Amino acid sequence: MIKQTVKKITPEPVWSLARDVVDGIRRLPDWPQAQFHPWRRASVAQLTELRDKHRGQRCFIIGNGPSLNQTDLSKLKGEFTFGLNRIYMMFPQLGFTTTYFLSMNDLVIEQCAADIRALPIPKFIAWRAHRFIEPTPDLMFLHTSYTGPKFARDVRGRLWEGATVTYVALQVAFHMGFETVILIGVDHNFVTKGPANMTVVSQGDDPNHFNPSYFGKGFRWQLPDLDTSERAYRMARQEYEQAGRQVLDATVGGKLTVFPKIDYANLFKF
């Protein structure tokens, strides 16, 4: 109540500055390890090698929504792709892996560490979750945080997670130089309802993802924060457009309205 009252009587620029200062202070204990730990230093070196590696090219960021089951993913073979969280459950039926992989959520990494570590592709993992997973030669730790909204064009420093791994993927894709980024499977719609970010335990089949076993019975996961995600996506669109790049949304039936829509089939006509 006091916080809301102070916010109402404080000019927005002053409130935003104060909030950012407090957020920065809260993050200070994480800073030394995120800068100097050998695993992070090795990650920064790898991220330097990836800087602008794909300048001028296009890529696909693959969400995990049910719409993937209505999307002809065979067309993505040979494309640059980013897979997120438990996308690897789809690899056997695809017949190929994504080019890159990201997972930022502590609960996903903790429960799926062995699966993630075994993936034979470059992996981007939240530094905060390094206690759950040891590095491999192709695993890079990103210094992400829940607070301090920003869009990082260079992911060697701190990134804001924006309440969705898709937003982190957009920052990594920018860092790597991709000119056009296309979203698929980003349904932005969850059947399961409840307070944002609340941890729940799945009681049965998962209706929110492409596979009912994705967050199957007994899996611990956090309910989505779609409002914060939309705020992050708007920041991403602005940054891409200012740089003369673009993010397009080809999700079949997706509810996200931040990015320009494009028909998936039209992306492969030429």
C-alpha atoms as a PDB file:
ATOM      1  CA  MET A   1       0.000   0.000   0.000  1.00  0.00           C
ATOM      2  CA  ILE A   2       2.771   2.466   0.935  1.00  0.00           C
ATOM      3  CA  LYS A   3       4.689   1.578  -2.239  1.00  0.00           C
ATOM      4  CA  GLN A   4       1.641   2.257  -4.428  1.00  0.00           C
ATOM      5  CA  THR A   5       0.964   5.571  -2.687  1.00  0.00           C
ATOM      6  CA  VAL A   6       4.556   6.741  -3.146  1.00  0.00           C
ATOM      7  CA  LYS A   7       4.444   5.693  -6.797  1.00  0.00           C
ATOM      8  CA  LYS A   8       1.287   7.745  -7.408  1.00  0.00           C
ATOM      9  CA  ILE A   9       2.770  10.967  -6.031  1.00  0.00           C
ATOM     10  CA  THR A  10       6.248  10.536  -7.558  1.00  0.00           C
ATOM     11  CA  PRO A  11       6.930  11.744 -11.124  1.00  0.00           C
ATOM     12  CA  GLU A  12       7.506   8.764 -13.433  1.00  0.00           C
ATOM     13  CA  PRO A  13      11.124   9.675 -14.380  1.00  0.00           C
ATOM     14  CA  VAL A  14      12.061   9.952 -10.696  1.00  0.00           C
ATOM     15  CA  TRP A  15      10.262   6.700  -9.834  1.00  0.00           C
ATOM     16  CA  SER A  16      11.965   4.841 -12.695  1.00  0.00           C
ATOM     17  CA  LEU A  17      15.398   6.134 -11.701  1.00  0.00           C
ATOM     18  CA  ALA A  18      14.856   5.164  -8.047  1.00  0.00           C
ATOM     19  CA  ARG A  19      13.626   1.715  -9.037  1.00  0.00           C
ATOM     20  CA  ASP A  20      16.642   1.132 -11.272  1.00  0.00           C
ATOM     21  CA  VAL A  21      19.020   2.216  -8.494  1.00  0.00           C
ATOM     22  CA  VAL A  22      17.363  -0.181  -6.022  1.00  0.00           C
ATOM     23  CA  ASP A  23      17.443  -2.979  -8.609  1.00  0.00           C
ATOM     24  CA  GLY A  24      21.128  -2.339  -9.194  1.00  0.00           C
ATOM     25  CA  ILE A  25      21.901  -2.549  -5.485  1.00  0.00           C
ATOM     26  CA  ARG A  26      19.981  -5.834  -5.231  1.00  0.00           C
ATOM     27  CA  ARG A  27      22.071  -7.291  -8.047  1.00  0.00           C
ATOM     28  CA  LEU A  28      25.444  -6.310  -6.575  1.00  0.00           C
ATOM     29  CA  PRO A  29      26.088  -9.622  -4.744  1.00  0.00           C
ATOM     30  CA  ASP A  30      25.853 -11.490  -8.070  1.00  0.00           C
ATOM     31  CA  TRP A  31      28.297  -9.226  -9.888  1.00  0.00           C
ATOM     32  CA  PRO A  32      31.743 -10.555  -8.835  1.00  0.00           C
ATOM     33  CA  GLN A  33      31.129 -14.176  -9.836  1.00  0.00           C
ATOM     34  CA  ALA A  34      29.280 -13.168 -12.988  1.00  0.00           C
ATOM     35  CA  GLN A  35      32.361 -11.159 -13.988  1.00  0.00           C
ATOM     36  CA  PHE A  36      35.287 -13.225 -12.773  1.00  0.00           C
ATOM     37  CA  HIS A  37      34.298 -16.861 -12.322  1.00  0.00           C
ATOM     38  CA  PRO A  38      36.302 -19.047 -14.779  1.00  0.00           C
ATOM     39  CA  TRP A  39      33.119 -20.484 -16.269  1.00  0.00           C
ATOM     40  CA  ARG A  40      31.787 -17.018 -16.988  1.00  0.00           C
ATOM     41  CA  ARG A  41      35.092 -15.774 -18.359  1.00  0.00           C
ATOM     42  CA  ALA A  42      35.157 -18.733 -20.746  1.00  0.00           C
ATOM     43  CA  SER A  43      31.572 -17.945 -21.745  1.00  0.00           C
ATOM     44  CA  VAL A  44      32.401 -14.310 -22.458  1.00  0.00           C
ATOM     45  CA  ALA A  45      35.250 -15.432 -24.720  1.00  0.00           C
ATOM     46  CA  GLN A  46      32.867 -17.696 -26.641  1.00  0.00           C
ATOM     47  CA  LEU A  47      30.265 -14.935 -26.885  1.00  0.00           C
ATOM     48  CA  THR A  48      32.931 -12.652 -28.325  1.00  0.00           C
ATOM     49  CA  GLU A  49      33.545 -15.170 -31.095  1.00  0.00           C
ATOM     50  CA  LEU A  50      29.816 -15.238 -31.860  1.00  0.00           C
ATOM     51  CA  ARG A  51      29.510 -11.451 -32.095  1.00  0.00           C
ATOM     52  CA  ASP A  52      28.019 -10.630 -35.555  1.00  0.00           C
ATOM     53  CA  LYS A  53      28.760 -14.164 -36.767  1.00  0.00           C
ATOM     54  CA  HIS A  54      25.434 -14.198 -38.643  1.00  0.00           C
ATOM     55  CA  ARG A  55      25.355 -10.595 -39.823  1.00  0.00           C
ATOM     56  CA  GLY A  56      22.665 -10.059 -42.452  1.00  0.00           C
ATOM     57  CA  GLN A  57      21.146 -13.533 -42.138  1.00  0.00           C
ATOM     58  CA  ARG A  58      17.743 -14.688 -40.898  1.00  0.00           C
ATOM     59  CA  CYS A  59      16.834 -17.066 -38.108  1.00  0.00           C
ATOM     60  CA  PHE A  60      13.822 -18.625 -36.439  1.00  0.00           C
ATOM     61  CA  ILE A  61      13.122 -18.583 -32.713  1.00  0.00           C
ATOM     62  CA  ILE A  62      10.960 -21.585 -31.932  1.00  0.00           C
ATOM     63  CA  GLY A  63       8.617 -21.252 -28.979  1.00  0.00           C
ATOM     64  CA  ASN A  64       6.973 -24.283 -27.428  1.00  0.00           C
ATOM     65  CA  GLY A  65       3.275 -23.572 -27.883  1.00  0.00           C
ATOM     66  CA  PRO A  66       0.701 -26.098 -29.145  1.00  0.00           C
ATOM     67  CA  SER A  67       0.702 -24.267 -32.498  1.00  0.00           C
ATOM     68  CA  LEU A  68       3.943 -26.069 -33.363  1.00  0.00           C
ATOM     69  CA  ASN A  69       1.749 -29.093 -34.053  1.00  0.00           C
ATOM     70  CA  GLN A  70       0.060 -27.082 -36.839  1.00  0.00           C
ATOM     71  CA  THR A  71       3.373 -25.835 -38.268  1.00  0.00           C
ATOM     72  CA  ASP A  72       5.368 -27.640 -40.954  1.00  0.00           C
ATOM     73  CA  LEU A  73       8.681 -27.643 -39.129  1.00  0.00           C
ATOM     74  CA  SER A  74      10.371 -29.738 -41.830  1.00  0.00           C
ATOM     75  CA  LYS A  75      10.818 -26.473 -43.716  1.00  0.00           C
ATOM     76  CA  LEU A  76      13.274 -25.334 -41.052  1.00  0.00           C
ATOM     77  CA  LYS A  77      15.902 -27.926 -41.921  1.00  0.00           C
ATOM     78  CA  GLY A  78      18.895 -25.924 -43.095  1.00  0.00           C
ATOM     79  CA  GLU A  79      17.682 -22.699 -41.473  1.00  0.00           C
ATOM     80  CA  PHE A  80      19.319 -21.092 -38.440  1.00  0.00           C
ATOM     81  CA  THR A  81      17.112 -21.860 -35.461  1.00  0.00           C
ATOM     82  CA  PHE A  82      16.959 -21.201 -31.725  1.00  0.00           C
ATOM     83  CA  GLY A  83      15.225 -23.848 -29.602  1.00  0.00           C
ATOM     84  CA  LEU A  84      13.998 -23.071 -26.098  1.00  0.00           C
ATOM     85  CA  ASN A  85      13.658 -25.049 -22.867  1.00  0.00           C
ATOM     86  CA  ARG A  86      12.300 -28.542 -23.643  1.00  0.00           C
ATOM     87  CA  ILE A  87      12.168 -28.173 -27.437  1.00  0.00           C
ATOM     88  CA  TYR A  88      14.536 -31.151 -27.604  1.00  0.00           C
ATOM     89  CA  MET A  89      11.520 -33.401 -26.936  1.00  0.00           C
ATOM     90  CA  MET A  90      10.601 -32.703 -30.564  1.00  0.00           C
ATOM     91  CA  PHE A  91      14.013 -33.453 -32.080  1.00  0.00           C
ATOM     92  CA  PRO A  92      13.341 -37.167 -32.772  1.00  0.00           C
ATOM     93  CA  GLN A  93      10.266 -36.445 -34.896  1.00  0.00           C
ATOM     94  CA  LEU A  94      11.956 -33.487 -36.586  1.00  0.00           C
ATOM     95  CA  GLY A  95      14.936 -35.539 -37.637  1.00  0.00           C
ATOM     96  CA  PHE A  96      17.265 -32.613 -36.850  1.00  0.00           C
ATOM     97  CA  THR A  97      18.205 -30.370 -33.952  1.00  0.00           C
ATOM     98  CA  THR A  98      17.940 -26.621 -33.678  1.00  0.00           C
ATOM     99  CA  THR A  99      21.136 -24.680 -34.383  1.00  0.00           C
ATOM    100  CA  TYR A 100      21.216 -23.173 -30.902  1.00  0.00           C
ATOM    101  CA  PHE A 101      19.494 -23.808 -27.570  1.00  0.00           C
ATOM    102  CA  LEU A 102      18.505 -21.548 -24.664  1.00  0.00           C
ATOM    103  CA  SER A 103      17.126 -22.124 -21.192  1.00  0.00           C
ATOM    104  CA  MET A 104      16.944 -19.467 -18.476  1.00  0.00           C
ATOM    105  CA  ASN A 105      14.429 -20.773 -15.949  1.00  0.00           C
ATOM    106  CA  ASP A 106      15.926 -22.270 -12.796  1.00  0.00           C
ATOM    107  CA  LEU A 107      13.203 -24.891 -12.445  1.00  0.00           C
ATOM    108  CA  VAL A 108      13.605 -26.123 -16.014  1.00  0.00           C
ATOM    109  CA  ILE A 109      17.383 -26.278 -15.763  1.00  0.00           C
ATOM    110  CA  GLU A 110      17.330 -27.979 -12.373  1.00  0.00           C
ATOM    111  CA  GLN A 111      14.920 -30.706 -13.494  1.00  0.00           C
ATOM    112  CA  CYS A 112      16.329 -31.180 -17.002  1.00  0.00           C
ATOM    113  CA  ALA A 113      20.059 -30.560 -16.475  1.00  0.00           C
ATOM    114  CA  ALA A 114      21.156 -33.968 -17.775  1.00  0.00           C
ATOM    115  CA  ASP A 115      19.051 -33.654 -20.938  1.00  0.00           C
ATOM    116  CA  ILE A 116      20.273 -30.123 -21.601  1.00  0.00           C
ATOM    117  CA  ARG A 117      23.920 -30.923 -20.992  1.00  0.00           C
ATOM    118  CA  ALA A 118      23.740 -33.838 -23.449  1.00  0.00           C
ATOM    119  CA  LEU A 119      22.485 -31.715 -26.350  1.00  0.00           C
ATOM    120  CA  PRO A 120      25.115 -31.697 -29.128  1.00  0.00           C
ATOM    121  CA  ILE A 121      24.586 -28.031 -30.011  1.00  0.00           C
ATOM    122  CA  PRO A 122      25.703 -24.650 -28.619  1.00  0.00           C
ATOM    123  CA  LYS A 123      23.740 -23.910 -25.453  1.00  0.00           C
ATOM    124  CA  PHE A 124      23.002 -20.637 -23.642  1.00  0.00           C
ATOM    125  CA  ILE A 125      22.129 -21.051 -19.956  1.00  0.00           C
ATOM    126  CA  ALA A 126      21.385 -18.544 -17.179  1.00  0.00           C
ATOM    127  CA  TRP A 127      24.449 -18.007 -14.986  1.00  0.00           C
ATOM    128  CA  ARG A 128      22.140 -17.943 -11.982  1.00  0.00           C
ATOM    129  CA  ALA A 129      21.470 -21.672 -12.569  1.00  0.00           C
ATOM    130  CA  HIS A 130      25.111 -22.733 -12.802  1.00  0.00           C
ATOM    131  CA  ARG A 131      24.719 -24.597  -9.517  1.00  0.00           C
ATOM    132  CA  PHE A 132      22.510 -27.100 -11.359  1.00  0.00           C
ATOM    133  CA  ILE A 133      24.616 -27.744 -14.450  1.00  0.00           C
ATOM    134  CA  GLU A 134      28.326 -27.986 -15.203  1.00  0.00           C
ATOM    135  CA  PRO A 135      29.619 -26.545 -18.455  1.00  0.00           C
ATOM    136  CA  THR A 136      30.471 -28.397 -21.626  1.00  0.00           C
ATOM    137  CA  PRO A 137      32.726 -26.955 -24.343  1.00  0.00           C
ATOM    138  CA  ASP A 138      29.660 -25.622 -26.184  1.00  0.00           C
ATOM    139  CA  LEU A 139      27.741 -24.275 -23.152  1.00  0.00           C
ATOM    140  CA  MET A 140      27.732 -20.544 -22.454  1.00  0.00           C
ATOM    141  CA  PHE A 141      26.470 -18.902 -19.284  1.00  0.00           C
ATOM    142  CA  LEU A 142      24.566 -15.618 -19.690  1.00  0.00           C
ATOM    143  CA  HIS A 143      24.399 -13.119 -16.841  1.00  0.00           C
ATOM    144  CA  THR A 144      20.640 -12.600 -16.763  1.00  0.00           C
ATOM    145  CA  SER A 145      18.437 -10.956 -14.152  1.00  0.00           C
ATOM    146  CA  TYR A 146      14.762 -10.545 -13.324  1.00  0.00           C
ATOM    147  CA  THR A 147      15.084  -6.813 -12.677  1.00  0.00           C
ATOM    148  CA  GLY A 148      16.329  -3.714 -14.467  1.00  0.00           C
ATOM    149  CA  PRO A 149      14.412  -3.674 -17.803  1.00  0.00           C
ATOM    150  CA  LYS A 150      16.737  -3.250 -20.772  1.00  0.00           C
ATOM    151  CA  PHE A 151      17.542  -4.703 -24.175  1.00  0.00           C
ATOM    152  CA  ALA A 152      21.143  -5.851 -24.500  1.00  0.00           C
ATOM    153  CA  ARG A 153      22.586  -5.587 -27.994  1.00  0.00           C
ATOM    154  CA  ASP A 154      25.759  -7.158 -26.595  1.00  0.00           C
ATOM    155  CA  VAL A 155      25.060 -10.217 -24.438  1.00  0.00           C
ATOM    156  CA  ARG A 156      28.500 -10.427 -22.851  1.00  0.00           C
ATOM    157  CA  GLY A 157      27.204  -8.199 -20.058  1.00  0.00           C
ATOM    158  CA  ARG A 158      23.934  -8.320 -18.138  1.00  0.00           C
ATOM    159  CA  LEU A 159      20.633  -9.180 -19.803  1.00  0.00           C
ATOM    160  CA  TRP A 160      17.095  -8.647 -18.575  1.00  0.00           C
ATOM    161  CA  GLU A 161      15.008 -11.813 -18.933  1.00  0.00           C
ATOM    162  CA  GLY A 162      11.732 -10.026 -19.596  1.00  0.00           C
ATOM    163  CA  ALA A 163       9.796 -12.923 -18.018  1.00  0.00           C
ATOM    164  CA  THR A 164      10.368 -15.138 -21.061  1.00  0.00           C
ATOM    165  CA  VAL A 165      13.291 -17.027 -22.568  1.00  0.00           C
ATOM    166  CA  THR A 166      12.084 -15.826 -25.980  1.00  0.00           C
ATOM    167  CA  TYR A 167      13.161 -12.298 -25.069  1.00  0.00           C
ATOM    168  CA  VAL A 168      16.627 -13.545 -24.126  1.00  0.00           C
ATOM    169  CA  ALA A 169      16.790 -15.349 -27.476  1.00  0.00           C
ATOM    170  CA  LEU A 170      15.961 -12.079 -29.252  1.00  0.00           C
ATOM    171  CA  GLN A 171      18.907 -10.421 -27.509  1.00  0.00           C
ATOM    172  CA  VAL A 172      21.263 -13.291 -28.360  1.00  0.00           C
ATOM    173  CA  ALA A 173      20.108 -13.221 -32.000  1.00  0.00           C
ATOM    174  CA  PHE A 174      20.798  -9.477 -32.136  1.00  0.00           C
ATOM    175  CA  HIS A 175      24.264 -10.009 -30.649  1.00  0.00           C
ATOM    176  CA  MET A 176      24.968 -12.585 -33.344  1.00  0.00           C
ATOM    177  CA  GLY A 177      23.996 -10.159 -36.092  1.00  0.00           C
ATOM    178  CA  PHE A 178      20.808 -11.694 -37.445  1.00  0.00           C
ATOM    179  CA  GLU A 179      18.942  -9.168 -39.579  1.00  0.00           C
ATOM    180  CA  THR A 180      15.541 -10.863 -39.641  1.00  0.00           C
ATOM    181  CA  VAL A 181      14.218 -12.915 -36.738  1.00  0.00           C
ATOM    182  CA  ILE A 182      11.024 -14.930 -37.175  1.00  0.00           C
ATOM    183  CA  LEU A 183       8.993 -16.222 -34.242  1.00  0.00           C
ATOM    184  CA  ILE A 184       7.027 -19.452 -34.445  1.00  0.00           C
ATOM    185  CA  GLY A 185       5.324 -21.389 -31.686  1.00  0.00           C
ATOM    186  CA  VAL A 186       5.104 -18.248 -29.546  1.00  0.00           C
ATOM    187  CA  ASP A 187       1.402 -18.687 -28.832  1.00  0.00           C
ATOM    188  CA  HIS A 188       1.395 -16.165 -25.964  1.00  0.00           C
ATOM    189  CA  ASN A 189      -1.626 -17.951 -24.547  1.00  0.00           C
ATOM    190  CA  PHE A 190      -1.852 -20.272 -21.550  1.00  0.00           C
ATOM    191  CA  VAL A 191      -4.801 -22.442 -20.563  1.00  0.00           C
ATOM    192  CA  THR A 192      -3.489 -22.699 -17.000  1.00  0.00           C
ATOM    193  CA  LYS A 193      -4.326 -19.533 -15.056  1.00  0.00           C
ATOM    194  CA  GLY A 194      -3.016 -18.048 -11.823  1.00  0.00           C
ATOM    195  CA  PRO A 195      -0.749 -15.334 -10.372  1.00  0.00           C
ATOM    196  CA  ALA A 196       2.206 -14.467 -12.585  1.00  0.00           C
ATOM    197  CA  ASN A 197       5.471 -16.245 -11.707  1.00  0.00           C
ATOM    198  CA  MET A 198       3.838 -18.469  -9.079  1.00  0.00           C
ATOM    199  CA  THR A 199       5.473 -21.906  -8.859  1.00  0.00           C
ATOM    200  CA  VAL A 200       3.036 -24.773  -9.396  1.00  0.00           C
ATOM    201  CA  VAL A 201       3.311 -28.534  -9.743  1.00  0.00           C
ATOM    202  CA  SER A 202       1.672 -30.066 -12.801  1.00  0.00           C
ATOM    203  CA  GLN A 203      -1.134 -32.450 -11.926  1.00  0.00           C
ATOM    204  CA  GLY A 204      -1.441 -34.117 -15.320  1.00  0.00           C
ATOM    205  CA  ASP A 205      -1.002 -33.568 -19.048  1.00  0.00           C
ATOM    206  CA  ASP A 206       0.321 -30.183 -20.143  1.00  0.00           C
ATOM    207  CA  PRO A 207      -2.173 -28.229 -22.320  1.00  0.00           C
ATOM    208  CA  ASN A 208       0.115 -25.220 -22.780  1.00  0.00           C
ATOM    209  CA  HIS A 209       2.890 -26.733 -24.895  1.00  0.00           C
ATOM    210  CA  PHE A 210       3.365 -28.873 -27.992  1.00  0.00           C
ATOM    211  CA  ASN A 211       3.669 -32.108 -26.010  1.00  0.00           C
ATOM    212  CA  PRO A 212       1.394 -33.137 -23.115  1.00  0.00           C
ATOM    213  CA  SER A 213       4.507 -34.417 -21.313  1.00  0.00           C
ATOM    214  CA  TYR A 214       6.345 -31.092 -21.695  1.00  0.00           C
ATOM    215  CA  PHE A 215       5.520 -30.041 -18.139  1.00  0.00           C
ATOM    216  CA  GLY A 216       3.897 -33.362 -17.300  1.00  0.00           C
ATOM    217  CA  LYS A 217       2.616 -34.649 -13.992  1.00  0.00           C
ATOM    218  CA  GLY A 218       4.931 -33.773 -11.107  1.00  0.00           C
ATOM    219  CA  PHE A 219       6.934 -31.153 -13.019  1.00  0.00           C
ATOM    220  CA  ARG A 220       7.495 -27.878 -11.157  1.00  0.00           C
ATOM    221  CA  TRP A 221       7.080 -24.738 -13.276  1.00  0.00           C
ATOM    222  CA  GLN A 222       6.176 -21.063 -13.016  1.00  0.00           C
ATOM    223  CA  LEU A 223       2.995 -19.505 -14.353  1.00  0.00           C
ATOM    224  CA  PRO A 224       3.621 -16.962 -17.120  1.00  0.00           C
ATOM    225  CA  ASP A 225       3.850 -13.207 -16.746  1.00  0.00           C
ATOM    226  CA  LEU A 226       2.420 -12.164 -20.118  1.00  0.00           C
ATOM    227  CA  ASP A 227       2.264  -8.442 -19.269  1.00  0.00           C
ATOM    228  CA  THR A 228       5.990  -8.243 -18.532  1.00  0.00           C
ATOM    229  CA  SER A 229       6.714 -10.341 -21.609  1.00  0.00           C
ATOM    230  CA  GLU A 230       4.780  -7.892 -23.788  1.00  0.00           C
ATOM    231  CA  ARG A 231       6.717  -4.996 -22.314  1.00  0.00           C
ATOM    232  CA  ALA A 232       9.947  -6.802 -23.173  1.00  0.00           C
ATOM    233  CA  TYR A 233       8.792  -7.615 -26.689  1.00  0.00           C
ATOM    234  CA  ARG A 234       7.979  -3.955 -27.342  1.00  0.00           C
ATOM    235  CA  MET A 235      11.503  -3.049 -26.283  1.00  0.00           C
ATOM    236  CA  ALA A 236      12.896  -5.702 -28.629  1.00  0.00           C
ATOM    237  CA  ARG A 237      10.859  -4.442 -31.581  1.00  0.00           C
ATOM    238  CA  GLN A 238      12.053  -0.885 -30.990  1.00  0.00           C
ATOM    239  CA  GLU A 239      15.716  -1.921 -30.770  1.00  0.00           C
ATOM    240  CA  TYR A 240      15.572  -4.072 -33.880  1.00  0.00           C
ATOM    241  CA  GLU A 241      13.822  -1.402 -35.926  1.00  0.00           C
ATOM    242  CA  GLN A 242      16.226   1.312 -34.774  1.00  0.00           C
ATOM    243  CA  ALA A 243      19.065  -0.888 -36.033  1.00  0.00           C
ATOM    244  CA  GLY A 244      17.365  -1.438 -39.403  1.00  0.00           C
ATOM    245  CA  ARG A 245      16.470  -5.029 -38.552  1.00  0.00           C
ATOM    246  CA  GLN A 246      13.122  -6.735 -37.987  1.00  0.00           C
ATOM    247  CA  VAL A 247      11.282  -9.295 -35.908  1.00  0.00           C
ATOM    248  CA  LEU A 248       8.335 -11.029 -37.578  1.00  0.00           C
ATOM    249  CA  ASP A 249       5.715 -13.286 -36.018  1.00  0.00           C
ATOM    250  CA  ALA A 250       4.748 -16.367 -38.046  1.00  0.00           C
ATOM    251  CA  THR A 251       3.102 -18.233 -35.156  1.00  0.00           C
ATOM    252  CA  VAL A 252      -0.002 -20.074 -36.333  1.00  0.00           C
ATOM    253  CA  GLY A 253      -2.953 -18.544 -34.459  1.00  0.00           C
ATOM    254  CA  GLY A 254      -0.687 -16.768 -31.969  1.00  0.00           C
ATOM    255  CA  LYS A 255      -2.155 -14.190 -29.571  1.00  0.00           C
ATOM    256  CA  LEU A 256       0.907 -11.927 -29.481  1.00  0.00           C
ATOM    257  CA  THR A 257       0.264  -8.604 -31.258  1.00  0.00           C
ATOM    258  CA  VAL A 258       3.573  -6.779 -30.728  1.00  0.00           C
ATOM    259  CA  PHE A 259       5.371  -7.829 -33.918  1.00  0.00           C
ATOM    260  CA  PRO A 260       4.261  -7.675 -37.561  1.00  0.00           C
ATOM    261  CA  LYS A 261       2.551 -10.872 -38.649  1.00  0.00           C
ATOM    262  CA  ILE A 262       3.652 -12.935 -41.624  1.00  0.00           C
ATOM    263  CA  ASP A 263       2.292 -16.141 -43.123  1.00  0.00           C
ATOM    264  CA  TYR A 264       4.658 -18.996 -42.355  1.00  0.00           C
ATOM    265  CA  ALA A 265       4.284 -20.619 -45.775  1.00  0.00           C
ATOM    266  CA  ASN A 266       5.265 -17.393 -47.537  1.00  0.00           C
ATOM    267  CA  LEU A 267       8.686 -17.506 -45.936  1.00  0.00           C
ATOM    268  CA  PHE A 268       9.757 -20.429 -48.109  1.00  0.00           C
ATOM    269  CA  LYS A 269       8.493 -19.465 -51.582  1.00  0.00           C
ATOM    270  CA  PHE A 270      11.828 -18.409 -52.969  1.00  0.00           C
END
